[in-house]
Structures are given as structure tokens and as C-alpha cells.
Amino acid sequence: MKLLIADCRQHMAAGLKALLERQKYAVDLLEGCQDVRDYCAEGRYDGLILCEALPEEDALSVLRSLRAEGLSLPVFLLCSGGLERLVEALESGADECLSIPFAATEFLARVRAMLRRGGSYVPDVLSFGALALDTSSCVLLYGRRSAYLNRKEFQTMELLLRARGAALSTEQLMERIWGWDSDAEIHVVWTNIARLRQKLRSLGCPITIRSVRGVGYLLEDRHQAGNSPSHRSATQ
């Protein structure tokens, strides 16, 4: 799941990014209101976090213009005022708002609540056949066996599970997990996929990550694929 933070005060932005990444979110930071509009228009984020420290124009004005342009993305507004400002933020189209300063635990709880309401909620356990991913502990489960995933592995497996058997391209995985502004090379996707395949094999799981030439990667149950008519005819 990927979030965009738009130009909080520099020290706050870095702290929010670190806080959210510890909760397994992918996070991009932006400066400038025009960039906010451009990035949101591309539709690659699950939520937007705006702060009233935006320098070019008032954050509420940015929010109102985004809503007027038809943006349906869930928006969290961090306000520097009191109750009246919070009410104004909600009336301007914010899905969640919180007054600065705030507690980290409340902020995270409100982010999760916003994403649930926005239709991007990820349940505690995602599954594909008998394979399951516990999103609260980053543990991959098959029967009584389990394997812990690091943050990049977790994000990759989450995207593959949410795709429900549809293919994701290398470029999609790169953009959603590392971001195109990252210094990482495209081969990090291949390395990450290889590590996940190894962990699936260590679980004795029949589900694997299949590479489709020219298309991308998808989850596949080898037992079901081996019994399908198309697979049998292709292997005869």
C-alpha cells in the first residue's frame, strides 16, 4: 500500500515517512502543490497526507481544488489550528484530519481507518489458496510452517496477493515498492522475487511466483495449473 506525503515541515515529513514505513507502507515525499496534483492524477497512491505547512498556498485551498478536479483519493489533512480548523478541513473534503502536535499511535490508527473507508483496506490475513500472509506480523504461512518477510518482500507479496492471480509487471512492482525516484536498479525486483520463491519452496508450498514473458509476475498454484487442460496440452 502506497502513500504520498505532501510537503510537511522537513523534520516532520521525515518522521512521518519513517513511522509509516515501519508499518510496511511505501511512502513518497513531495514538495510543491503542483507536484501534488500531477502525482495524484497518475492514480498510483492509496492515500494522500497533506500538511498546512505547504509553502505555495493554503493546504485547504489545495484540498478544495483537488476535490473540485474530481480527486477521489482518501486525503488526510494535518492542521495547525484548533477545532474550527478541523471542522473546516472536513467540510473541504478531508477524509481524516488531526491537529498538530499529535500522538503517533492516533495518527496511525486514523490512517488505517481512512484507508478502510476509502476501499483500500487490507485485512489482517491475505490468502491465495492455502498460502496466507499475516499483514500484522509480516509472516508468510503455509500449513504449520511460516517464514518472516522483510519489508520489500512483504510489499511484493502483498501486491501479488491483492492482484488475485493477475500479472504485475516489473515496472509496476518497481514503481509501487521502490519508486522511480529511488537509486535502486530494476534488478532489485528480480532479486526480491527470487528470495520470495525460495521462501515459498522452504514452506513446501505448491504456490509459486510465475514469470510470464513480456507480461510480468503472478501467483500460481502448480497443482491446479498442472491439472488444467491448457497446461496439459502445452506440456504434451
C-alpha atoms as a PDB file:
ATOM      1  CA  MET A   1       0.000   0.000   0.000  1.00  0.00           C
ATOM      2  CA  LYS A   2       1.481   3.354  -1.060  1.00  0.00           C
ATOM      3  CA  LEU A   3       1.000   6.817   0.471  1.00  0.00           C
ATOM      4  CA  LEU A   4       2.024  10.287  -0.669  1.00  0.00           C
ATOM      5  CA  ILE A   5       3.068  12.916   1.907  1.00  0.00           C
ATOM      6  CA  ALA A   6       2.872  16.437   0.511  1.00  0.00           C
ATOM      7  CA  ASP A   7       5.379  18.915   1.900  1.00  0.00           C
ATOM      8  CA  CYS A   8       5.151  18.802   5.651  1.00  0.00           C
ATOM      9  CA  ARG A   9       7.842  20.674   7.504  1.00  0.00           C
ATOM     10  CA  GLN A  10      11.029  18.837   6.633  1.00  0.00           C
ATOM     11  CA  HIS A  11      11.690  17.251  10.031  1.00  0.00           C
ATOM     12  CA  MET A  12       8.034  16.229  10.359  1.00  0.00           C
ATOM     13  CA  ALA A  13       7.903  14.745   6.865  1.00  0.00           C
ATOM     14  CA  ALA A  14      10.950  12.570   7.536  1.00  0.00           C
ATOM     15  CA  GLY A  15       9.480  11.398  10.845  1.00  0.00           C
ATOM     16  CA  LEU A  16       6.109  10.548   9.300  1.00  0.00           C
ATOM     17  CA  LYS A  17       7.791   8.664   6.464  1.00  0.00           C
ATOM     18  CA  ALA A  18       9.843   6.580   8.893  1.00  0.00           C
ATOM     19  CA  LEU A  19       6.782   5.932  11.090  1.00  0.00           C
ATOM     20  CA  LEU A  20       4.657   4.761   8.159  1.00  0.00           C
ATOM     21  CA  GLU A  21       7.436   2.647   6.655  1.00  0.00           C
ATOM     22  CA  ARG A  22       7.798   0.788   9.944  1.00  0.00           C
ATOM     23  CA  GLN A  23       4.131  -0.157   9.451  1.00  0.00           C
ATOM     24  CA  LYS A  24       5.008  -1.564   5.981  1.00  0.00           C
ATOM     25  CA  TYR A  25       3.597   1.297   3.923  1.00  0.00           C
ATOM     26  CA  ALA A  26       5.505   2.538   0.888  1.00  0.00           C
ATOM     27  CA  VAL A  27       5.846   6.330   1.153  1.00  0.00           C
ATOM     28  CA  ASP A  28       6.827   9.133  -1.237  1.00  0.00           C
ATOM     29  CA  LEU A  29       7.583  12.716  -0.142  1.00  0.00           C
ATOM     30  CA  LEU A  30       6.830  15.724  -2.331  1.00  0.00           C
ATOM     31  CA  GLU A  31       7.454  19.451  -2.236  1.00  0.00           C
ATOM     32  CA  GLY A  32       5.192  21.847  -4.092  1.00  0.00           C
ATOM     33  CA  CYS A  33       1.471  21.917  -4.739  1.00  0.00           C
ATOM     34  CA  GLN A  34       1.704  21.423  -8.483  1.00  0.00           C
ATOM     35  CA  ASP A  35       3.570  18.170  -7.921  1.00  0.00           C
ATOM     36  CA  VAL A  36       0.762  17.016  -5.633  1.00  0.00           C
ATOM     37  CA  ARG A  37      -1.769  17.429  -8.431  1.00  0.00           C
ATOM     38  CA  ASP A  38       0.448  15.752 -11.011  1.00  0.00           C
ATOM     39  CA  TYR A  39       1.240  12.749  -8.854  1.00  0.00           C
ATOM     40  CA  CYS A  40      -2.351  12.267  -7.709  1.00  0.00           C
ATOM     41  CA  ALA A  41      -3.552  12.438 -11.316  1.00  0.00           C
ATOM     42  CA  GLU A  42      -1.465   9.372 -12.118  1.00  0.00           C
ATOM     43  CA  GLY A  43      -3.566   7.287  -9.712  1.00  0.00           C
ATOM     44  CA  ARG A  44      -0.697   5.330  -8.178  1.00  0.00           C
ATOM     45  CA  TYR A  45      -1.364   6.071  -4.498  1.00  0.00           C
ATOM     46  CA  ASP A  46      -3.780   4.634  -1.935  1.00  0.00           C
ATOM     47  CA  GLY A  47      -3.891   7.817   0.157  1.00  0.00           C
ATOM     48  CA  LEU A  48      -2.598  11.401   0.388  1.00  0.00           C
ATOM     49  CA  ILE A  49      -1.348  13.167   3.527  1.00  0.00           C
ATOM     50  CA  LEU A  50      -1.421  16.983   3.306  1.00  0.00           C
ATOM     51  CA  CYS A  51       0.039  19.362   5.860  1.00  0.00           C
ATOM     52  CA  GLU A  52      -0.783  23.024   6.480  1.00  0.00           C
ATOM     53  CA  ALA A  53       2.929  23.795   6.189  1.00  0.00           C
ATOM     54  CA  LEU A  54       2.605  23.745   2.384  1.00  0.00           C
ATOM     55  CA  PRO A  55       4.512  26.873   1.301  1.00  0.00           C
ATOM     56  CA  GLU A  56       2.916  27.903  -2.004  1.00  0.00           C
ATOM     57  CA  GLU A  57      -0.702  28.058  -0.923  1.00  0.00           C
ATOM     58  CA  ASP A  58      -3.005  27.157   1.908  1.00  0.00           C
ATOM     59  CA  ALA A  59      -3.445  23.380   2.333  1.00  0.00           C
ATOM     60  CA  LEU A  60      -7.223  23.731   2.450  1.00  0.00           C
ATOM     61  CA  SER A  61      -7.154  25.543  -0.893  1.00  0.00           C
ATOM     62  CA  VAL A  62      -5.120  22.678  -2.339  1.00  0.00           C
ATOM     63  CA  LEU A  63      -7.599  20.178  -0.952  1.00  0.00           C
ATOM     64  CA  ARG A  64     -10.616  22.062  -2.311  1.00  0.00           C
ATOM     65  CA  SER A  65      -9.090  22.315  -5.764  1.00  0.00           C
ATOM     66  CA  LEU A  66      -8.194  18.610  -5.797  1.00  0.00           C
ATOM     67  CA  ARG A  67     -11.783  17.714  -4.898  1.00  0.00           C
ATOM     68  CA  ALA A  68     -13.122  20.156  -7.487  1.00  0.00           C
ATOM     69  CA  GLU A  69     -10.964  18.410 -10.091  1.00  0.00           C
ATOM     70  CA  GLY A  70     -12.607  15.092  -9.187  1.00  0.00           C
ATOM     71  CA  LEU A  71      -9.935  13.514  -6.994  1.00  0.00           C
ATOM     72  CA  SER A  72     -11.491  10.633  -5.038  1.00  0.00           C
ATOM     73  CA  LEU A  73      -8.269   9.558  -3.307  1.00  0.00           C
ATOM     74  CA  PRO A  74      -8.543   9.445   0.520  1.00  0.00           C
ATOM     75  CA  VAL A  75      -6.928  12.584   1.962  1.00  0.00           C
ATOM     76  CA  PHE A  76      -5.565  13.069   5.496  1.00  0.00           C
ATOM     77  CA  LEU A  77      -5.053  16.717   6.486  1.00  0.00           C
ATOM     78  CA  LEU A  78      -2.704  17.670   9.326  1.00  0.00           C
ATOM     79  CA  CYS A  79      -3.931  21.009  10.740  1.00  0.00           C
ATOM     80  CA  SER A  80      -2.115  23.594  12.817  1.00  0.00           C
ATOM     81  CA  GLY A  81      -5.330  25.130  14.195  1.00  0.00           C
ATOM     82  CA  GLY A  82      -7.987  24.138  16.682  1.00  0.00           C
ATOM     83  CA  LEU A  83     -11.485  22.691  16.424  1.00  0.00           C
ATOM     84  CA  GLU A  84     -12.777  25.262  13.923  1.00  0.00           C
ATOM     85  CA  ARG A  85      -9.907  24.458  11.560  1.00  0.00           C
ATOM     86  CA  LEU A  86     -10.582  20.719  11.858  1.00  0.00           C
ATOM     87  CA  VAL A  87     -14.257  21.252  11.031  1.00  0.00           C
ATOM     88  CA  GLU A  88     -13.283  23.402   8.038  1.00  0.00           C
ATOM     89  CA  ALA A  89     -10.907  20.676   6.839  1.00  0.00           C
ATOM     90  CA  LEU A  90     -13.647  18.039   6.934  1.00  0.00           C
ATOM     91  CA  GLU A  91     -16.065  20.333   5.130  1.00  0.00           C
ATOM     92  CA  SER A  92     -13.404  20.989   2.479  1.00  0.00           C
ATOM     93  CA  GLY A  93     -13.188  17.297   1.611  1.00  0.00           C
ATOM     94  CA  ALA A  94     -10.706  15.750   4.044  1.00  0.00           C
ATOM     95  CA  ASP A  95     -11.408  12.114   4.933  1.00  0.00           C
ATOM     96  CA  GLU A  96      -9.383  12.409   8.133  1.00  0.00           C
ATOM     97  CA  CYS A  97      -7.768  15.332   9.943  1.00  0.00           C
ATOM     98  CA  LEU A  98      -5.645  15.765  13.035  1.00  0.00           C
ATOM     99  CA  SER A  99      -4.346  18.804  14.879  1.00  0.00           C
ATOM    100  CA  ILE A 100      -0.577  19.306  15.229  1.00  0.00           C
ATOM    101  CA  PRO A 101       1.028  18.146  17.507  1.00  0.00           C
ATOM    102  CA  PHE A 102      -0.406  14.635  17.674  1.00  0.00           C
ATOM    103  CA  ALA A 103       0.355  11.179  19.060  1.00  0.00           C
ATOM    104  CA  ALA A 104       1.909   8.682  16.645  1.00  0.00           C
ATOM    105  CA  THR A 105      -0.480   5.929  17.724  1.00  0.00           C
ATOM    106  CA  GLU A 106      -3.544   8.074  16.971  1.00  0.00           C
ATOM    107  CA  PHE A 107      -2.106   9.137  13.614  1.00  0.00           C
ATOM    108  CA  LEU A 108      -1.530   5.512  12.544  1.00  0.00           C
ATOM    109  CA  ALA A 109      -4.974   4.459  13.732  1.00  0.00           C
ATOM    110  CA  ARG A 110      -6.575   7.264  11.720  1.00  0.00           C
ATOM    111  CA  VAL A 111      -4.541   6.363   8.616  1.00  0.00           C
ATOM    112  CA  ARG A 112      -5.790   2.774   8.828  1.00  0.00           C
ATOM    113  CA  ALA A 113      -9.366   3.961   9.355  1.00  0.00           C
ATOM    114  CA  MET A 114      -9.132   6.300   6.356  1.00  0.00           C
ATOM    115  CA  LEU A 115      -7.856   3.542   4.079  1.00  0.00           C
ATOM    116  CA  ARG A 116     -10.605   1.187   5.222  1.00  0.00           C
ATOM    117  CA  ARG A 117     -13.263   3.722   4.363  1.00  0.00           C
ATOM    118  CA  GLY A 118     -11.534   4.523   1.084  1.00  0.00           C
ATOM    119  CA  GLY A 119     -11.884   0.952  -0.134  1.00  0.00           C
ATOM    120  CA  SER A 120      -8.160   0.225   0.105  1.00  0.00           C
ATOM    121  CA  TYR A 121      -8.308  -1.730   3.349  1.00  0.00           C
ATOM    122  CA  VAL A 122      -6.055  -4.743   3.590  1.00  0.00           C
ATOM    123  CA  PRO A 123      -7.320  -7.361   6.077  1.00  0.00           C
ATOM    124  CA  ASP A 124      -5.038  -8.850   8.704  1.00  0.00           C
ATOM    125  CA  VAL A 125      -4.645 -12.007   6.603  1.00  0.00           C
ATOM    126  CA  LEU A 126      -4.424 -12.149   2.808  1.00  0.00           C
ATOM    127  CA  SER A 127      -4.611 -15.551   1.143  1.00  0.00           C
ATOM    128  CA  PHE A 128      -4.185 -17.363  -2.146  1.00  0.00           C
ATOM    129  CA  GLY A 129      -5.317 -20.956  -1.878  1.00  0.00           C
ATOM    130  CA  ALA A 130      -3.648 -22.425   1.217  1.00  0.00           C
ATOM    131  CA  LEU A 131      -0.982 -19.713   1.290  1.00  0.00           C
ATOM    132  CA  ALA A 132      -1.587 -16.844   3.741  1.00  0.00           C
ATOM    133  CA  LEU A 133       0.160 -13.590   4.621  1.00  0.00           C
ATOM    134  CA  ASP A 134      -0.335 -12.190   8.122  1.00  0.00           C
ATOM    135  CA  THR A 135      -0.088  -8.450   7.482  1.00  0.00           C
ATOM    136  CA  SER A 136       0.218  -7.609  11.169  1.00  0.00           C
ATOM    137  CA  SER A 137       3.377  -9.691  11.668  1.00  0.00           C
ATOM    138  CA  CYS A 138       4.814  -9.901   8.101  1.00  0.00           C
ATOM    139  CA  VAL A 139       4.745 -13.685   8.305  1.00  0.00           C
ATOM    140  CA  LEU A 140       4.017 -15.961   5.331  1.00  0.00           C
ATOM    141  CA  LEU A 141       2.085 -19.100   6.336  1.00  0.00           C
ATOM    142  CA  TYR A 142       1.507 -22.466   4.715  1.00  0.00           C
ATOM    143  CA  GLY A 143       0.021 -25.150   6.961  1.00  0.00           C
ATOM    144  CA  ARG A 144       2.074 -25.205  10.142  1.00  0.00           C
ATOM    145  CA  ARG A 145       5.135 -23.676   8.505  1.00  0.00           C
ATOM    146  CA  SER A 146       5.969 -19.990   8.460  1.00  0.00           C
ATOM    147  CA  ALA A 147       8.560 -17.599   7.063  1.00  0.00           C
ATOM    148  CA  TYR A 148       9.234 -13.992   8.074  1.00  0.00           C
ATOM    149  CA  LEU A 149       9.388 -11.440   5.241  1.00  0.00           C
ATOM    150  CA  ASN A 150      11.446  -8.262   5.230  1.00  0.00           C
ATOM    151  CA  ARG A 151       9.757  -5.003   4.215  1.00  0.00           C
ATOM    152  CA  LYS A 152      10.373  -5.252   0.451  1.00  0.00           C
ATOM    153  CA  GLU A 153       9.422  -8.938   0.374  1.00  0.00           C
ATOM    154  CA  PHE A 154       6.264  -8.156   2.329  1.00  0.00           C
ATOM    155  CA  GLN A 155       5.258  -5.335  -0.013  1.00  0.00           C
ATOM    156  CA  THR A 156       5.876  -7.527  -3.074  1.00  0.00           C
ATOM    157  CA  MET A 157       3.854 -10.438  -1.701  1.00  0.00           C
ATOM    158  CA  GLU A 158       1.057  -8.087  -0.601  1.00  0.00           C
ATOM    159  CA  LEU A 159       0.759  -6.686  -4.136  1.00  0.00           C
ATOM    160  CA  LEU A 160       0.781 -10.159  -5.690  1.00  0.00           C
ATOM    161  CA  LEU A 161      -1.902 -11.388  -3.279  1.00  0.00           C
ATOM    162  CA  ARG A 162      -4.066  -8.335  -3.866  1.00  0.00           C
ATOM    163  CA  ALA A 163      -3.740  -8.897  -7.625  1.00  0.00           C
ATOM    164  CA  ARG A 164      -5.537 -12.243  -7.106  1.00  0.00           C
ATOM    165  CA  GLY A 165      -3.739 -14.126  -9.867  1.00  0.00           C
ATOM    166  CA  ALA A 166      -3.399 -11.206 -12.289  1.00  0.00           C
ATOM    167  CA  ALA A 167       0.083 -10.370 -13.547  1.00  0.00           C
ATOM    168  CA  LEU A 168       2.086  -7.380 -12.314  1.00  0.00           C
ATOM    169  CA  SER A 169       4.893  -6.059 -14.499  1.00  0.00           C
ATOM    170  CA  THR A 170       8.441  -5.478 -13.288  1.00  0.00           C
ATOM    171  CA  GLU A 171       7.852  -1.761 -13.832  1.00  0.00           C
ATOM    172  CA  GLN A 172       4.690  -1.793 -11.693  1.00  0.00           C
ATOM    173  CA  LEU A 173       6.492  -3.545  -8.839  1.00  0.00           C
ATOM    174  CA  MET A 174       9.451  -1.183  -9.123  1.00  0.00           C
ATOM    175  CA  GLU A 175       7.261   1.908  -9.027  1.00  0.00           C
ATOM    176  CA  ARG A 176       4.925   0.727  -6.259  1.00  0.00           C
ATOM    177  CA  ILE A 177       7.646  -0.557  -3.920  1.00  0.00           C
ATOM    178  CA  TRP A 178      10.843   1.388  -4.621  1.00  0.00           C
ATOM    179  CA  GLY A 179       9.502   4.399  -6.525  1.00  0.00           C
ATOM    180  CA  TRP A 180      11.032   5.766  -9.707  1.00  0.00           C
ATOM    181  CA  ASP A 181      12.938   8.414  -7.753  1.00  0.00           C
ATOM    182  CA  SER A 182      14.852   5.612  -5.998  1.00  0.00           C
ATOM    183  CA  ASP A 183      18.521   4.980  -6.751  1.00  0.00           C
ATOM    184  CA  ALA A 184      17.778   1.246  -6.963  1.00  0.00           C
ATOM    185  CA  GLU A 185      18.201  -0.558 -10.289  1.00  0.00           C
ATOM    186  CA  ILE A 186      15.462  -2.660 -11.882  1.00  0.00           C
ATOM    187  CA  HIS A 187      17.293  -5.887 -10.979  1.00  0.00           C
ATOM    188  CA  VAL A 188      16.286  -5.407  -7.329  1.00  0.00           C
ATOM    189  CA  VAL A 189      12.804  -6.585  -8.374  1.00  0.00           C
ATOM    190  CA  TRP A 190      14.220  -9.811  -9.800  1.00  0.00           C
ATOM    191  CA  THR A 191      16.326 -10.397  -6.685  1.00  0.00           C
ATOM    192  CA  ASN A 192      13.296  -9.810  -4.465  1.00  0.00           C
ATOM    193  CA  ILE A 193      11.177 -12.254  -6.496  1.00  0.00           C
ATOM    194  CA  ALA A 194      13.950 -14.868  -6.274  1.00  0.00           C
ATOM    195  CA  ARG A 195      14.066 -14.568  -2.475  1.00  0.00           C
ATOM    196  CA  LEU A 196      10.284 -14.951  -2.240  1.00  0.00           C
ATOM    197  CA  ARG A 197      10.350 -18.042  -4.450  1.00  0.00           C
ATOM    198  CA  GLN A 198      12.998 -19.531  -2.180  1.00  0.00           C
ATOM    199  CA  LYS A 199      10.869 -18.868   0.905  1.00  0.00           C
ATOM    200  CA  LEU A 200       7.815 -20.429  -0.775  1.00  0.00           C
ATOM    201  CA  ARG A 201       9.883 -23.539  -1.536  1.00  0.00           C
ATOM    202  CA  SER A 202      11.125 -23.649   2.070  1.00  0.00           C
ATOM    203  CA  LEU A 203       7.479 -23.805   3.201  1.00  0.00           C
ATOM    204  CA  GLY A 204       6.834 -26.773   0.901  1.00  0.00           C
ATOM    205  CA  CYS A 205       4.141 -24.666  -0.739  1.00  0.00           C
ATOM    206  CA  PRO A 206       2.805 -25.607  -4.207  1.00  0.00           C
ATOM    207  CA  ILE A 207       2.113 -21.935  -4.920  1.00  0.00           C
ATOM    208  CA  THR A 208       4.879 -20.121  -6.759  1.00  0.00           C
ATOM    209  CA  ILE A 209       5.537 -16.793  -8.456  1.00  0.00           C
ATOM    210  CA  ARG A 210       5.376 -17.457 -12.186  1.00  0.00           C
ATOM    211  CA  SER A 211       7.115 -15.239 -14.709  1.00  0.00           C
ATOM    212  CA  VAL A 212       5.115 -14.563 -17.879  1.00  0.00           C
ATOM    213  CA  ARG A 213       7.397 -13.351 -20.649  1.00  0.00           C
ATOM    214  CA  GLY A 214       6.554  -9.825 -21.728  1.00  0.00           C
ATOM    215  CA  VAL A 215       3.796  -9.529 -19.112  1.00  0.00           C
ATOM    216  CA  GLY A 216       5.135  -9.828 -15.573  1.00  0.00           C
ATOM    217  CA  TYR A 217       4.717 -11.929 -12.431  1.00  0.00           C
ATOM    218  CA  LEU A 218       1.716 -13.682 -10.921  1.00  0.00           C
ATOM    219  CA  LEU A 219       0.914 -16.186  -8.194  1.00  0.00           C
ATOM    220  CA  GLU A 220       0.148 -19.686  -9.460  1.00  0.00           C
ATOM    221  CA  ASP A 221      -0.827 -22.933  -7.754  1.00  0.00           C
ATOM    222  CA  ARG A 222       1.310 -25.521  -9.527  1.00  0.00           C
ATOM    223  CA  HIS A 223      -1.068 -28.348  -8.615  1.00  0.00           C
ATOM    224  CA  GLN A 224      -4.049 -26.621 -10.199  1.00  0.00           C
ATOM    225  CA  ALA A 225      -2.022 -25.423 -13.170  1.00  0.00           C
ATOM    226  CA  GLY A 226      -0.716 -28.932 -13.786  1.00  0.00           C
ATOM    227  CA  ASN A 227      -4.259 -30.325 -13.873  1.00  0.00           C
ATOM    228  CA  SER A 228      -5.702 -27.681 -16.190  1.00  0.00           C
ATOM    229  CA  PRO A 229      -6.421 -28.744 -19.811  1.00  0.00           C
ATOM    230  CA  SER A 230      -4.426 -25.838 -21.235  1.00  0.00           C
ATOM    231  CA  HIS A 231      -1.389 -26.722 -19.127  1.00  0.00           C
ATOM    232  CA  ARG A 232      -1.586 -30.446 -20.053  1.00  0.00           C
ATOM    233  CA  SER A 233      -1.847 -29.678 -23.741  1.00  0.00           C
ATOM    234  CA  ALA A 234       1.034 -27.241 -23.518  1.00  0.00           C
ATOM    235  CA  THR A 235       3.284 -29.830 -21.905  1.00  0.00           C
ATOM    236  CA  GLN A 236       2.386 -32.746 -24.184  1.00  0.00           C
END
